[in-house]
Amino acid sequence: MIPQLTPKKVQFVQEYLIDLNGAQAAIRAGYSPRTAGVKAAQLLKEVNVQLAVQEAMQKRQARTEITQDWVLDNLRQNMLGAMAE
């Protein structure tokens, strides 16, 4: 269960999952572009936000059945195939 977060923090978590860029996620979530980097660092230090990010990543992994290992293995296979050509 995702910990209780404000709607803005929930939006930050959703935006953060797009590209794992905290500053850009903060901007897309509605925080000031001037302070987005600092705000993102503050948010990512909050235990509830960390837990929400972890849970959302786990749900995405279960839904897509794609892990970091899967991505790296497929990238390696594609590179080896391209080198063999």
N, C-alpha and C. Protein backbone atom coordinates (compact mmCIF):
# COMPACT_ATOMS: atom_id res chain seq x y z
N MET A 1 0.83 -1.19 0.00
CA MET A 1 0.00 0.00 0.00
C MET A 1 0.87 1.25 0.00
N ILE A 2 0.57 2.17 -0.90
CA ILE A 2 1.34 3.41 -0.98
C ILE A 2 1.04 4.26 0.25
N PRO A 3 2.10 4.75 0.90
CA PRO A 3 1.90 5.59 2.09
C PRO A 3 1.10 6.85 1.75
N GLN A 4 0.49 7.43 2.76
CA GLN A 4 -0.30 8.65 2.56
C GLN A 4 0.61 9.79 2.12
N LEU A 5 0.31 10.33 0.96
CA LEU A 5 1.05 11.45 0.41
C LEU A 5 0.06 12.52 -0.04
N THR A 6 0.53 13.75 -0.09
CA THR A 6 -0.31 14.81 -0.63
C THR A 6 -0.49 14.55 -2.14
N PRO A 7 -1.53 15.11 -2.73
CA PRO A 7 -1.72 14.92 -4.18
C PRO A 7 -0.50 15.37 -4.99
N LYS A 8 0.16 16.42 -4.56
CA LYS A 8 1.32 16.93 -5.29
C LYS A 8 2.49 15.94 -5.20
N LYS A 9 2.65 15.31 -4.04
CA LYS A 9 3.71 14.31 -3.87
C LYS A 9 3.40 13.05 -4.68
N VAL A 10 2.13 12.68 -4.73
CA VAL A 10 1.73 11.54 -5.57
C VAL A 10 2.07 11.84 -7.02
N GLN A 11 1.77 13.04 -7.46
CA GLN A 11 2.10 13.45 -8.83
C GLN A 11 3.60 13.42 -9.05
N PHE A 12 4.37 13.87 -8.06
CA PHE A 12 5.83 13.83 -8.17
C PHE A 12 6.31 12.39 -8.37
N VAL A 13 5.79 11.46 -7.58
CA VAL A 13 6.18 10.06 -7.69
C VAL A 13 5.86 9.54 -9.09
N GLN A 14 4.67 9.82 -9.59
CA GLN A 14 4.29 9.35 -10.93
C GLN A 14 5.21 9.94 -12.00
N GLU A 15 5.51 11.22 -11.86
CA GLU A 15 6.39 11.87 -12.83
C GLU A 15 7.82 11.36 -12.72
N TYR A 16 8.26 11.07 -11.51
CA TYR A 16 9.62 10.58 -11.29
C TYR A 16 9.84 9.24 -11.99
N LEU A 17 8.82 8.41 -12.03
CA LEU A 17 8.95 7.10 -12.67
C LEU A 17 9.15 7.19 -14.17
N ILE A 18 8.81 8.30 -14.77
CA ILE A 18 8.96 8.46 -16.22
C ILE A 18 10.42 8.39 -16.63
N ASP A 19 11.26 9.17 -15.96
CA ASP A 19 12.66 9.24 -16.39
C ASP A 19 13.67 9.26 -15.23
N LEU A 20 13.17 9.10 -14.02
CA LEU A 20 14.01 9.11 -12.81
C LEU A 20 14.82 10.40 -12.67
N ASN A 21 14.29 11.47 -13.23
CA ASN A 21 14.91 12.78 -13.12
C ASN A 21 14.10 13.59 -12.11
N GLY A 22 14.67 13.75 -10.92
CA GLY A 22 13.94 14.41 -9.83
C GLY A 22 13.55 15.83 -10.13
N ALA A 23 14.48 16.60 -10.68
CA ALA A 23 14.18 18.02 -10.95
C ALA A 23 13.06 18.15 -11.97
N GLN A 24 13.14 17.38 -13.05
CA GLN A 24 12.09 17.45 -14.07
C GLN A 24 10.76 16.92 -13.55
N ALA A 25 10.82 15.90 -12.71
CA ALA A 25 9.60 15.37 -12.11
C ALA A 25 8.95 16.42 -11.23
N ALA A 26 9.75 17.15 -10.48
CA ALA A 26 9.22 18.20 -9.61
C ALA A 26 8.54 19.29 -10.44
N ILE A 27 9.18 19.68 -11.53
CA ILE A 27 8.59 20.70 -12.41
C ILE A 27 7.27 20.20 -12.99
N ARG A 28 7.27 18.97 -13.50
CA ARG A 28 6.03 18.42 -14.09
C ARG A 28 4.93 18.25 -13.05
N ALA A 29 5.34 18.07 -11.79
CA ALA A 29 4.36 17.91 -10.71
C ALA A 29 3.84 19.25 -10.20
N GLY A 30 4.41 20.34 -10.70
CA GLY A 30 3.89 21.65 -10.33
C GLY A 30 4.74 22.45 -9.37
N TYR A 31 5.93 21.97 -9.05
CA TYR A 31 6.82 22.74 -8.19
C TYR A 31 7.55 23.78 -9.04
N SER A 32 8.07 24.80 -8.39
CA SER A 32 8.73 25.90 -9.09
C SER A 32 9.98 25.41 -9.82
N PRO A 33 10.14 25.79 -11.08
CA PRO A 33 11.36 25.42 -11.81
C PRO A 33 12.63 25.95 -11.15
N ARG A 34 12.53 27.10 -10.48
CA ARG A 34 13.70 27.68 -9.82
C ARG A 34 14.22 26.81 -8.69
N THR A 35 13.32 26.14 -7.99
CA THR A 35 13.72 25.36 -6.82
C THR A 35 13.50 23.86 -7.01
N ALA A 36 13.25 23.45 -8.24
CA ALA A 36 12.87 22.06 -8.51
C ALA A 36 13.95 21.06 -8.08
N GLY A 37 15.21 21.37 -8.33
CA GLY A 37 16.28 20.45 -7.95
C GLY A 37 16.36 20.24 -6.45
N VAL A 38 16.27 21.32 -5.72
CA VAL A 38 16.32 21.25 -4.25
C VAL A 38 15.09 20.53 -3.73
N LYS A 39 13.92 20.88 -4.28
CA LYS A 39 12.68 20.25 -3.82
C LYS A 39 12.70 18.75 -4.11
N ALA A 40 13.20 18.36 -5.27
CA ALA A 40 13.28 16.94 -5.61
C ALA A 40 14.17 16.20 -4.63
N ALA A 41 15.31 16.80 -4.29
CA ALA A 41 16.21 16.17 -3.32
C ALA A 41 15.53 16.02 -1.97
N GLN A 42 14.79 17.03 -1.57
CA GLN A 42 14.06 16.96 -0.29
C GLN A 42 13.00 15.86 -0.34
N LEU A 43 12.25 15.82 -1.42
CA LEU A 43 11.19 14.81 -1.54
C LEU A 43 11.75 13.40 -1.54
N LEU A 44 12.85 13.21 -2.26
CA LEU A 44 13.42 11.87 -2.37
C LEU A 44 14.08 11.40 -1.07
N LYS A 45 14.26 12.31 -0.13
CA LYS A 45 14.78 11.93 1.19
C LYS A 45 13.65 11.52 2.14
N GLU A 46 12.42 11.87 1.79
CA GLU A 46 11.28 11.54 2.65
C GLU A 46 10.98 10.05 2.54
N VAL A 47 10.88 9.39 3.69
CA VAL A 47 10.66 7.94 3.72
C VAL A 47 9.38 7.57 2.98
N ASN A 48 8.31 8.32 3.19
CA ASN A 48 7.04 8.00 2.53
C ASN A 48 7.14 8.10 1.01
N VAL A 49 7.89 9.07 0.53
CA VAL A 49 8.08 9.22 -0.91
C VAL A 49 8.94 8.07 -1.43
N GLN A 50 10.00 7.72 -0.70
CA GLN A 50 10.84 6.59 -1.10
C GLN A 50 10.02 5.30 -1.18
N LEU A 51 9.17 5.08 -0.19
CA LEU A 51 8.34 3.88 -0.19
C LEU A 51 7.36 3.88 -1.36
N ALA A 52 6.80 5.04 -1.66
CA ALA A 52 5.85 5.15 -2.77
C ALA A 52 6.56 4.88 -4.10
N VAL A 53 7.77 5.39 -4.27
CA VAL A 53 8.54 5.14 -5.49
C VAL A 53 8.85 3.66 -5.61
N GLN A 54 9.31 3.06 -4.53
CA GLN A 54 9.62 1.63 -4.53
C GLN A 54 8.40 0.79 -4.91
N GLU A 55 7.28 1.09 -4.28
CA GLU A 55 6.06 0.32 -4.54
C GLU A 55 5.61 0.50 -5.99
N ALA A 56 5.67 1.71 -6.48
CA ALA A 56 5.25 1.97 -7.86
C ALA A 56 6.17 1.24 -8.85
N MET A 57 7.45 1.20 -8.57
CA MET A 57 8.39 0.50 -9.44
C MET A 57 8.12 -1.01 -9.42
N GLN A 58 7.83 -1.54 -8.24
CA GLN A 58 7.53 -2.96 -8.13
C GLN A 58 6.25 -3.31 -8.88
N LYS A 59 5.25 -2.46 -8.77
CA LYS A 59 4.00 -2.70 -9.50
C LYS A 59 4.22 -2.65 -11.00
N ARG A 60 5.02 -1.71 -11.46
CA ARG A 60 5.31 -1.60 -12.89
C ARG A 60 6.06 -2.84 -13.37
N GLN A 61 7.03 -3.29 -12.57
CA GLN A 61 7.80 -4.47 -12.94
C GLN A 61 6.89 -5.70 -13.02
N ALA A 62 6.00 -5.84 -12.07
CA ALA A 62 5.07 -6.98 -12.09
C ALA A 62 4.13 -6.89 -13.28
N ARG A 63 3.69 -5.69 -13.59
CA ARG A 63 2.74 -5.49 -14.70
C ARG A 63 3.40 -5.75 -16.05
N THR A 64 4.63 -5.28 -16.22
CA THR A 64 5.30 -5.40 -17.51
C THR A 64 6.16 -6.65 -17.63
N GLU A 65 6.46 -7.25 -16.49
CA GLU A 65 7.36 -8.41 -16.42
C GLU A 65 8.73 -8.10 -17.01
N ILE A 66 9.14 -6.84 -16.89
CA ILE A 66 10.46 -6.42 -17.38
C ILE A 66 11.27 -5.95 -16.18
N THR A 67 12.45 -6.54 -16.03
CA THR A 67 13.35 -6.16 -14.95
C THR A 67 14.58 -5.47 -15.54
N GLN A 68 15.40 -4.89 -14.69
CA GLN A 68 16.65 -4.28 -15.16
C GLN A 68 17.54 -5.34 -15.79
N ASP A 69 17.57 -6.53 -15.21
CA ASP A 69 18.37 -7.61 -15.77
C ASP A 69 17.89 -7.98 -17.17
N TRP A 70 16.57 -8.01 -17.37
CA TRP A 70 16.02 -8.32 -18.68
C TRP A 70 16.46 -7.29 -19.71
N VAL A 71 16.39 -6.02 -19.34
CA VAL A 71 16.79 -4.94 -20.25
C VAL A 71 18.26 -5.07 -20.61
N LEU A 72 19.11 -5.27 -19.61
CA LEU A 72 20.54 -5.36 -19.87
C LEU A 72 20.88 -6.59 -20.70
N ASP A 73 20.24 -7.71 -20.43
CA ASP A 73 20.49 -8.92 -21.20
C ASP A 73 20.10 -8.73 -22.65
N ASN A 74 18.95 -8.12 -22.90
CA ASN A 74 18.52 -7.87 -24.28
C ASN A 74 19.41 -6.85 -24.98
N LEU A 75 19.86 -5.86 -24.27
CA LEU A 75 20.79 -4.89 -24.84
C LEU A 75 22.09 -5.58 -25.23
N ARG A 76 22.59 -6.44 -24.36
CA ARG A 76 23.83 -7.17 -24.64
C ARG A 76 23.64 -8.05 -25.87
N GLN A 77 22.53 -8.77 -25.94
CA GLN A 77 22.27 -9.65 -27.08
C GLN A 77 22.20 -8.86 -28.38
N ASN A 78 21.54 -7.70 -28.34
CA ASN A 78 21.44 -6.87 -29.54
C ASN A 78 22.80 -6.33 -29.98
N MET A 79 23.61 -5.95 -29.01
CA MET A 79 24.94 -5.43 -29.34
C MET A 79 25.82 -6.53 -29.93
N LEU A 80 25.76 -7.72 -29.34
CA LEU A 80 26.55 -8.84 -29.86
C LEU A 80 26.07 -9.23 -31.25
N GLY A 81 24.78 -9.19 -31.48
CA GLY A 81 24.24 -9.47 -32.81
C GLY A 81 24.68 -8.44 -33.83
N ALA A 82 24.71 -7.19 -33.45
CA ALA A 82 25.13 -6.12 -34.36
C ALA A 82 26.61 -6.23 -34.68
N MET A 83 27.40 -6.65 -33.69
CA MET A 83 28.84 -6.79 -33.91
C MET A 83 29.15 -7.97 -34.82
N ALA A 84 28.31 -8.98 -34.81
CA ALA A 84 28.52 -10.17 -35.63
C ALA A 84 28.19 -9.91 -37.09
N GLU A 85 27.42 -8.89 -37.35
CA GLU A 85 27.01 -8.59 -38.74
C GLU A 85 28.12 -7.98 -39.55
